[in-house]
Amino acid sequence: MNFFNPFYSLPRRLAVIVGTRPNFVKAAPFLREAKNHPRFDYTVIHTGQHFDQNMSEVFFAELGIPRPDVFLNPGGEKHTEKIALMFDQMKDVFKQHKFAGAIVFGDVNSTLAGALAAIKHNVRLAHIEAGLRSHDRRMPEEINRVIVDHLAHLHFVTEQSGVENLRREGVKERKIHLVGNIMIESLELYRNKIEASPILAQLQLKPKGYILVTIHRQENTDSKQALAEILQLVAGLKNQYQVVFPLHPGTKKRIEEYGLASFLTGLTVIEPVGYFDFVKLTKDSLGVVTDSGGIQEETSHLGIPCATLRDNTERPVTLELGSNKLFPIAEATSSEILQHLKRLDFKPGLIPFWDSGVSKRIFQVLDNWEI
């Protein structure tokens, strides 16, 4: 077992790297718990991957996360260009601060850029939400996950499949820690504020009287055919239930570019909302149609049916113990999706370690990390 070196009299500085809405949600309980662990100081680096006011600033405000110490502005259009620009801008930050360790979350481009910056500057790396695998290399997120896990020195895992994946890939047992799902810790941490959200009244929605839809995956939005098929499936739900569709900026851009806006007729299309509003919409919906990874987790924890418009998932526990079901786009029908969303037999809170103690388990490891 590794033990804290008593000769380090000064706090060790960690880089906490965030850049997207899911990153912010995962970082919130981590940074909250960090206040109880004086061994470390923190520099929060915002990569700028989500720079829109609704996509980032509102999250910091409502989650109570302090504004980042460093805010990058990478620009770029393509995935590779964005990663390269984020990495290039982070080099100067790492040179300036002399970090002892770096923390990255999830599988977004910011995660990979932060991991590369840490390793290139000989900074030890911890990956929160490690080990998840869809086994689909067409997904940019899958490439990010695999690379980051093979750079990381510590792997904090959400579910047993992640442990097994890392073992198969040769990661040493001492580096693997099954701590649970930090996204679910956020949900529990802010449950009272989520319940108090006025979003249903604002949108004139009745609990269980609507279906929530989110679409943003690159493999779905970068293909006109795939996006048209998804929108057709979604449009097929509106005759029986109101469909609420918070429209991601990237998805909106593609819909306009491809001339698919007619599919949105009759849907309740809204701007992206804050975390509390979104989870409230999820919790009180009949069910959710999505291509998101994190929403598969939140719906499973809440016992809300989730129809995932994908061929695979990196979160198999949501299929086994949760409320999730895969609907491959080319094969799915609106009626099949609706049948799943009407199910009433899902029970909340069944997945091990998906609770309010995840950050404490992470810091039990970090407090003994030799850095």
Protein backbone atom coordinates (compact mmCIF):
# COMPACT_ATOMS: atom_id res chain seq x y z
CA MET A 1 0.00 0.00 0.00
CA ASN A 2 1.20 3.53 -0.79
CA PHE A 3 1.43 5.96 2.09
CA PHE A 4 1.58 9.73 2.27
CA ASN A 5 5.15 11.00 2.48
CA PRO A 6 5.44 13.13 5.66
CA PHE A 7 8.33 15.10 4.18
CA TYR A 8 5.88 16.92 1.90
CA SER A 9 5.03 19.77 4.26
CA LEU A 10 3.38 21.90 1.56
CA PRO A 11 0.12 20.92 -0.17
CA ARG A 12 0.58 19.11 -3.46
CA ARG A 13 -1.05 20.96 -6.35
CA LEU A 14 -3.41 19.06 -8.64
CA ALA A 15 -4.71 20.17 -12.02
CA VAL A 16 -8.46 19.50 -12.24
CA ILE A 17 -9.33 19.59 -15.93
CA VAL A 18 -12.89 20.23 -17.15
CA GLY A 19 -14.41 21.39 -20.40
CA THR A 20 -17.96 20.12 -20.93
CA ARG A 21 -21.27 19.95 -19.08
CA PRO A 22 -20.74 16.34 -17.92
CA ASN A 23 -17.26 17.28 -16.68
CA PHE A 24 -18.69 20.09 -14.58
CA VAL A 25 -21.30 17.83 -13.01
CA LYS A 26 -18.66 15.22 -12.15
CA ALA A 27 -16.20 17.79 -10.82
CA ALA A 28 -18.72 19.37 -8.43
CA PRO A 29 -18.78 16.65 -5.72
CA PHE A 30 -15.06 16.05 -6.18
CA LEU A 31 -14.20 19.70 -5.51
CA ARG A 32 -16.66 19.81 -2.63
CA GLU A 33 -15.00 16.81 -0.96
CA ALA A 34 -11.54 18.23 -1.73
CA LYS A 35 -12.08 20.93 0.90
CA ASN A 36 -11.81 18.21 3.55
CA HIS A 37 -8.39 17.05 2.35
CA PRO A 38 -5.65 19.62 3.09
CA ARG A 39 -2.96 17.50 1.48
CA PHE A 40 -3.85 19.04 -1.88
CA ASP A 41 -4.32 22.42 -3.51
CA TYR A 42 -6.14 22.68 -6.82
CA THR A 43 -5.98 24.60 -10.05
CA VAL A 44 -9.18 24.19 -12.07
CA ILE A 45 -8.53 24.39 -15.82
CA HIS A 46 -11.46 24.97 -18.18
CA THR A 47 -10.42 23.85 -21.65
CA GLY A 48 -13.12 25.93 -23.32
CA GLN A 49 -14.59 22.93 -25.16
CA HIS A 50 -18.08 24.15 -24.22
CA PHE A 51 -17.86 27.93 -24.35
CA ASP A 52 -21.54 28.81 -24.84
CA GLN A 53 -23.16 30.65 -21.90
CA ASN A 54 -25.88 28.00 -21.56
CA MET A 55 -23.40 25.17 -21.99
CA SER A 56 -20.97 26.16 -19.26
CA GLU A 57 -21.40 29.36 -17.25
CA VAL A 58 -24.85 28.43 -15.93
CA PHE A 59 -23.44 25.13 -14.72
CA PHE A 60 -20.74 26.79 -12.63
CA ALA A 61 -23.28 29.12 -11.07
CA GLU A 62 -25.86 26.55 -10.04
CA LEU A 63 -23.44 23.80 -9.01
CA GLY A 64 -21.51 26.19 -6.79
CA ILE A 65 -18.23 25.48 -8.57
CA PRO A 66 -15.81 28.41 -8.40
CA ARG A 67 -14.90 29.96 -11.72
CA PRO A 68 -11.88 28.21 -13.22
CA ASP A 69 -8.43 29.43 -12.34
CA VAL A 70 -7.47 29.04 -16.00
CA PHE A 71 -9.80 29.45 -18.98
CA LEU A 72 -8.51 28.32 -22.38
CA ASN A 73 -9.92 29.39 -25.74
CA PRO A 74 -8.89 26.73 -28.25
CA GLY A 75 -11.32 27.25 -31.13
CA GLY A 76 -11.09 24.74 -33.95
CA GLU A 77 -13.77 22.79 -35.79
CA LYS A 78 -12.60 19.18 -36.18
CA HIS A 79 -11.98 16.84 -33.24
CA THR A 80 -8.27 16.50 -33.95
CA GLU A 81 -7.86 20.25 -34.34
CA LYS A 82 -9.66 20.97 -31.05
CA ILE A 83 -7.60 18.40 -29.15
CA ALA A 84 -4.35 19.76 -30.60
CA LEU A 85 -5.24 23.35 -29.72
CA MET A 86 -6.32 22.46 -26.17
CA PHE A 87 -3.15 20.47 -25.66
CA ASP A 88 -1.00 23.28 -27.03
CA GLN A 89 -2.59 25.88 -24.73
CA MET A 90 -2.32 23.59 -21.70
CA LYS A 91 1.42 23.19 -22.18
CA ASP A 92 2.01 26.73 -20.93
CA VAL A 93 -0.26 26.15 -17.92
CA PHE A 94 1.60 22.98 -16.93
CA LYS A 95 4.97 24.70 -17.30
CA GLN A 96 3.82 27.56 -15.07
CA HIS A 97 2.27 25.60 -12.20
CA LYS A 98 4.49 22.52 -11.73
CA PHE A 99 1.61 20.20 -10.88
CA ALA A 100 2.15 17.05 -8.83
CA GLY A 101 -0.89 15.34 -10.35
CA ALA A 102 -3.78 15.82 -12.75
CA ILE A 103 -7.43 14.74 -12.56
CA VAL A 104 -9.50 14.16 -15.70
CA PHE A 105 -13.13 13.06 -16.02
CA GLY A 106 -14.98 10.96 -18.56
CA ASP A 107 -14.23 10.61 -22.26
CA VAL A 108 -14.53 13.98 -24.01
CA ASN A 109 -11.83 15.72 -26.03
CA SER A 110 -10.86 17.80 -22.99
CA THR A 111 -10.15 14.56 -21.14
CA LEU A 112 -7.70 13.39 -23.78
CA ALA A 113 -6.03 16.79 -24.17
CA GLY A 114 -5.58 17.07 -20.40
CA ALA A 115 -4.19 13.55 -20.14
CA LEU A 116 -1.67 14.19 -22.90
CA ALA A 117 -0.58 17.47 -21.32
CA ALA A 118 -0.06 15.76 -17.96
CA ILE A 119 1.98 12.88 -19.34
CA LYS A 120 4.11 15.12 -21.56
CA HIS A 121 5.05 17.14 -18.46
CA ASN A 122 5.75 14.07 -16.32
CA VAL A 123 2.69 14.72 -14.15
CA ARG A 124 0.92 11.72 -12.67
CA LEU A 125 -2.60 11.20 -13.97
CA ALA A 126 -5.85 9.99 -12.38
CA HIS A 127 -8.87 9.16 -14.55
CA ILE A 128 -12.32 9.37 -12.98
CA GLU A 129 -14.80 7.17 -14.89
CA ALA A 130 -12.14 4.81 -16.20
CA GLY A 131 -12.55 1.44 -17.88
CA LEU A 132 -15.80 1.98 -19.78
CA ARG A 133 -15.80 0.36 -23.23
CA SER A 134 -18.34 0.27 -26.05
CA HIS A 135 -15.85 -1.75 -28.16
CA ASP A 136 -16.84 0.51 -31.06
CA ARG A 137 -13.81 2.34 -32.42
CA ARG A 138 -16.03 4.48 -34.66
CA MET A 139 -16.88 6.53 -31.58
CA PRO A 140 -14.42 9.36 -30.86
CA GLU A 141 -15.20 8.93 -27.15
CA GLU A 142 -14.09 5.30 -27.28
CA ILE A 143 -10.71 6.28 -28.68
CA ASN A 144 -10.39 8.91 -25.95
CA ARG A 145 -11.26 6.38 -23.23
CA VAL A 146 -8.74 3.79 -24.39
CA ILE A 147 -5.87 6.25 -24.77
CA VAL A 148 -6.48 8.01 -21.45
CA ASP A 149 -6.73 4.72 -19.55
CA HIS A 150 -3.41 3.57 -20.94
CA LEU A 151 -1.77 6.83 -19.89
CA ALA A 152 -3.30 7.00 -16.40
CA HIS A 153 -1.60 6.01 -13.14
CA LEU A 154 -4.89 5.69 -11.21
CA HIS A 155 -8.21 4.42 -12.56
CA PHE A 156 -11.42 5.26 -10.70
CA VAL A 157 -14.12 2.95 -12.08
CA THR A 158 -17.92 3.30 -12.04
CA GLU A 159 -19.04 -0.31 -12.60
CA GLN A 160 -17.69 -3.86 -12.57
CA SER A 161 -17.45 -4.06 -16.37
CA GLY A 162 -14.85 -1.29 -16.22
CA VAL A 163 -12.71 -3.30 -13.81
CA GLU A 164 -12.88 -6.32 -16.10
CA ASN A 165 -12.04 -4.25 -19.19
CA LEU A 166 -8.95 -2.76 -17.57
CA ARG A 167 -7.77 -6.16 -16.38
CA ARG A 168 -8.11 -7.58 -19.89
CA GLU A 169 -6.08 -4.67 -21.24
CA GLY A 170 -3.24 -5.36 -18.83
CA VAL A 171 -3.71 -2.54 -16.33
CA LYS A 172 -2.16 -3.48 -13.00
CA GLU A 173 -4.61 -4.39 -10.25
CA ARG A 174 -3.19 -1.84 -7.81
CA LYS A 175 -4.12 0.98 -10.20
CA ILE A 176 -7.80 -0.04 -10.45
CA HIS A 177 -10.32 1.24 -7.90
CA LEU A 178 -14.07 0.53 -8.11
CA VAL A 179 -15.47 3.65 -6.43
CA GLY A 180 -18.87 4.09 -8.09
CA ASN A 181 -20.46 6.75 -10.23
CA ILE A 182 -19.61 10.35 -9.42
CA MET A 183 -22.38 11.61 -11.74
CA ILE A 184 -24.89 9.88 -9.48
CA GLU A 185 -23.25 11.45 -6.43
CA SER A 186 -24.01 14.85 -7.98
CA LEU A 187 -27.62 13.85 -8.49
CA GLU A 188 -27.94 12.87 -4.84
CA LEU A 189 -25.98 15.89 -3.63
CA TYR A 190 -28.33 18.31 -5.39
CA ARG A 191 -31.57 16.31 -5.17
CA ASN A 192 -33.43 18.98 -3.16
CA LYS A 193 -32.50 21.70 -5.65
CA ILE A 194 -33.49 19.41 -8.51
CA GLU A 195 -36.90 18.85 -6.94
CA ALA A 196 -37.34 22.61 -6.52
CA SER A 197 -36.73 23.34 -10.21
CA PRO A 198 -39.64 25.28 -11.77
CA ILE A 199 -38.97 23.97 -15.28
CA LEU A 200 -42.17 21.91 -15.58
CA ALA A 201 -44.32 24.90 -14.71
CA GLN A 202 -42.34 27.13 -17.06
CA LEU A 203 -42.90 24.72 -19.96
CA GLN A 204 -46.47 23.88 -18.87
CA LEU A 205 -45.66 20.17 -18.55
CA LYS A 206 -47.42 17.53 -16.50
CA PRO A 207 -45.39 14.78 -14.77
CA LYS A 208 -45.32 11.61 -16.91
CA GLY A 209 -47.11 13.49 -19.67
CA TYR A 210 -44.10 14.07 -21.91
CA ILE A 211 -41.04 12.37 -23.41
CA LEU A 212 -37.60 13.96 -23.11
CA VAL A 213 -35.20 13.75 -26.08
CA THR A 214 -31.48 14.53 -26.33
CA ILE A 215 -29.27 13.94 -29.37
CA HIS A 216 -25.67 15.07 -29.74
CA ARG A 217 -23.31 12.19 -30.69
CA GLN A 218 -21.02 12.95 -33.61
CA GLU A 219 -21.79 9.65 -35.36
CA ASN A 220 -25.47 10.65 -35.34
CA THR A 221 -25.22 14.35 -36.14
CA ASP A 222 -22.45 14.20 -38.76
CA SER A 223 -24.53 11.92 -40.99
CA LYS A 224 -27.58 13.45 -42.68
CA GLN A 225 -29.14 10.01 -43.09
CA ALA A 226 -28.62 9.02 -39.45
CA LEU A 227 -29.90 12.34 -38.13
CA ALA A 228 -32.95 12.21 -40.42
CA GLU A 229 -33.76 8.68 -39.25
CA ILE A 230 -33.47 9.75 -35.60
CA LEU A 231 -35.68 12.80 -36.10
CA GLN A 232 -38.24 10.65 -37.88
CA LEU A 233 -38.31 8.26 -34.90
CA VAL A 234 -38.71 11.19 -32.51
CA ALA A 235 -41.45 12.77 -34.62
CA GLY A 236 -43.33 9.48 -34.46
CA LEU A 237 -43.76 9.91 -30.69
CA LYS A 238 -45.51 13.28 -30.77
CA ASN A 239 -48.98 11.97 -31.60
CA GLN A 240 -49.33 10.33 -28.18
CA TYR A 241 -47.10 12.44 -25.93
CA GLN A 242 -45.60 15.89 -25.86
CA VAL A 243 -41.94 15.66 -26.88
CA VAL A 244 -39.49 18.03 -25.15
CA PHE A 245 -36.24 18.44 -27.07
CA PRO A 246 -33.44 20.57 -25.52
CA LEU A 247 -31.43 21.21 -28.68
CA HIS A 248 -27.65 20.96 -28.41
CA PRO A 249 -25.93 23.74 -30.42
CA GLY A 250 -24.07 21.23 -32.57
CA THR A 251 -27.24 19.28 -33.33
CA LYS A 252 -29.12 22.49 -34.14
CA LYS A 253 -26.39 23.51 -36.57
CA ARG A 254 -26.57 20.17 -38.39
CA ILE A 255 -30.38 20.17 -38.57
CA GLU A 256 -30.27 23.59 -40.23
CA GLU A 257 -27.38 22.61 -42.50
CA TYR A 258 -29.12 19.42 -43.69
CA GLY A 259 -32.54 21.06 -44.14
CA LEU A 260 -34.22 18.82 -41.56
CA ALA A 261 -36.02 21.50 -39.54
CA SER A 262 -39.45 20.26 -40.67
CA PHE A 263 -39.01 17.22 -38.40
CA LEU A 264 -39.14 19.57 -35.40
CA THR A 265 -42.69 20.71 -36.15
CA GLY A 266 -44.97 19.81 -33.26
CA LEU A 267 -42.10 19.22 -30.82
CA THR A 268 -41.33 21.41 -27.81
CA VAL A 269 -37.85 22.53 -28.83
CA ILE A 270 -35.99 24.46 -26.13
CA GLU A 271 -32.51 25.85 -25.55
CA PRO A 272 -30.09 23.76 -23.42
CA VAL A 273 -31.05 24.05 -19.76
CA GLY A 274 -29.08 23.93 -16.52
CA TYR A 275 -28.31 20.76 -14.62
CA PHE A 276 -31.11 21.03 -12.05
CA ASP A 277 -33.71 21.73 -14.72
CA PHE A 278 -32.51 18.90 -16.91
CA VAL A 279 -32.54 16.25 -14.18
CA LYS A 280 -35.98 17.47 -13.10
CA LEU A 281 -37.18 17.04 -16.69
CA THR A 282 -35.66 13.56 -16.70
CA LYS A 283 -37.12 12.52 -13.36
CA ASP A 284 -40.69 13.59 -14.17
CA SER A 285 -40.76 12.37 -17.78
CA LEU A 286 -42.52 9.27 -19.04
CA GLY A 287 -39.10 8.29 -20.37
CA VAL A 288 -36.06 9.55 -22.24
CA VAL A 289 -34.85 9.03 -25.80
CA THR A 290 -31.13 9.74 -26.09
CA ASP A 291 -27.75 8.90 -27.54
CA SER A 292 -25.97 10.15 -24.41
CA GLY A 293 -23.90 8.03 -22.06
CA GLY A 294 -24.51 9.93 -18.85
CA ILE A 295 -28.27 10.01 -19.30
CA GLN A 296 -28.30 6.21 -19.44
CA GLU A 297 -26.84 6.35 -15.93
CA GLU A 298 -29.14 9.01 -14.50
CA THR A 299 -32.30 7.34 -15.82
CA SER A 300 -31.19 3.96 -14.47
CA HIS A 301 -30.56 5.44 -11.03
CA LEU A 302 -33.96 7.17 -11.08
CA GLY A 303 -35.84 4.17 -12.50
CA ILE A 304 -36.97 6.13 -15.58
CA PRO A 305 -37.16 4.18 -18.88
CA CYS A 306 -34.40 5.12 -21.30
CA ALA A 307 -34.35 4.34 -25.03
CA THR A 308 -30.77 4.69 -26.27
CA LEU A 309 -30.48 5.20 -30.03
CA ARG A 310 -27.24 3.31 -30.45
CA ASP A 311 -25.97 -0.14 -31.41
CA ASN A 312 -23.95 -0.49 -28.22
CA THR A 313 -23.21 1.05 -24.85
CA GLU A 314 -20.10 1.46 -22.74
CA ARG A 315 -22.33 1.24 -19.68
CA PRO A 316 -23.70 -2.35 -19.76
CA VAL A 317 -24.81 -2.21 -16.14
CA THR A 318 -27.61 0.13 -17.25
CA LEU A 319 -28.95 -2.71 -19.41
CA GLU A 320 -28.49 -5.38 -16.75
CA LEU A 321 -29.63 -3.57 -13.59
CA GLY A 322 -30.98 -0.30 -14.92
CA SER A 323 -33.82 0.96 -17.09
CA ASN A 324 -31.92 1.28 -20.36
CA LYS A 325 -32.56 -0.48 -23.67
CA LEU A 326 -30.65 -0.14 -26.95
CA PHE A 327 -32.52 0.77 -30.13
CA PRO A 328 -30.24 0.62 -33.21
CA ILE A 329 -31.35 3.46 -35.46
CA ALA A 330 -31.70 1.42 -38.64
CA GLU A 331 -33.94 -1.15 -36.93
CA ALA A 332 -35.95 0.83 -34.37
CA THR A 333 -39.55 1.96 -34.70
CA SER A 334 -41.36 4.68 -32.80
CA SER A 335 -43.91 2.19 -31.50
CA GLU A 336 -41.19 -0.08 -30.06
CA ILE A 337 -39.55 2.88 -28.35
CA LEU A 338 -42.87 4.03 -26.92
CA GLN A 339 -43.62 0.54 -25.62
CA HIS A 340 -40.35 0.58 -23.66
CA LEU A 341 -40.95 4.11 -22.34
CA LYS A 342 -44.33 3.05 -20.95
CA ARG A 343 -42.83 0.34 -18.75
CA LEU A 344 -43.53 0.78 -15.03
CA ASP A 345 -41.43 -2.04 -13.57
CA PHE A 346 -38.06 -0.32 -13.21
CA LYS A 347 -36.86 0.29 -9.66
CA PRO A 348 -34.45 3.09 -8.75
CA GLY A 349 -31.11 2.82 -6.99
CA LEU A 350 -30.17 -0.80 -7.71
CA ILE A 351 -26.62 -0.38 -9.04
CA PRO A 352 -23.78 -0.93 -6.49
CA PHE A 353 -21.73 2.11 -5.42
CA TRP A 354 -23.97 4.55 -7.30
CA ASP A 355 -24.54 6.68 -4.22
CA SER A 356 -23.41 9.78 -2.33
CA GLY A 357 -20.08 8.33 -1.15
CA VAL A 358 -18.12 8.23 -4.41
CA SER A 359 -15.85 11.24 -3.77
CA LYS A 360 -15.01 9.98 -0.29
CA ARG A 361 -13.90 6.66 -1.80
CA ILE A 362 -11.81 8.51 -4.39
CA PHE A 363 -10.04 10.54 -1.72
CA GLN A 364 -9.33 7.45 0.36
CA VAL A 365 -7.06 6.53 -2.54
CA LEU A 366 -5.75 10.02 -3.36
CA ASP A 367 -4.76 10.71 0.25
CA ASN A 368 -2.27 7.83 -0.06
CA TRP A 369 -1.12 8.60 -3.60
CA GLU A 370 2.67 8.89 -3.83
CA ILE A 371 3.16 12.10 -5.79
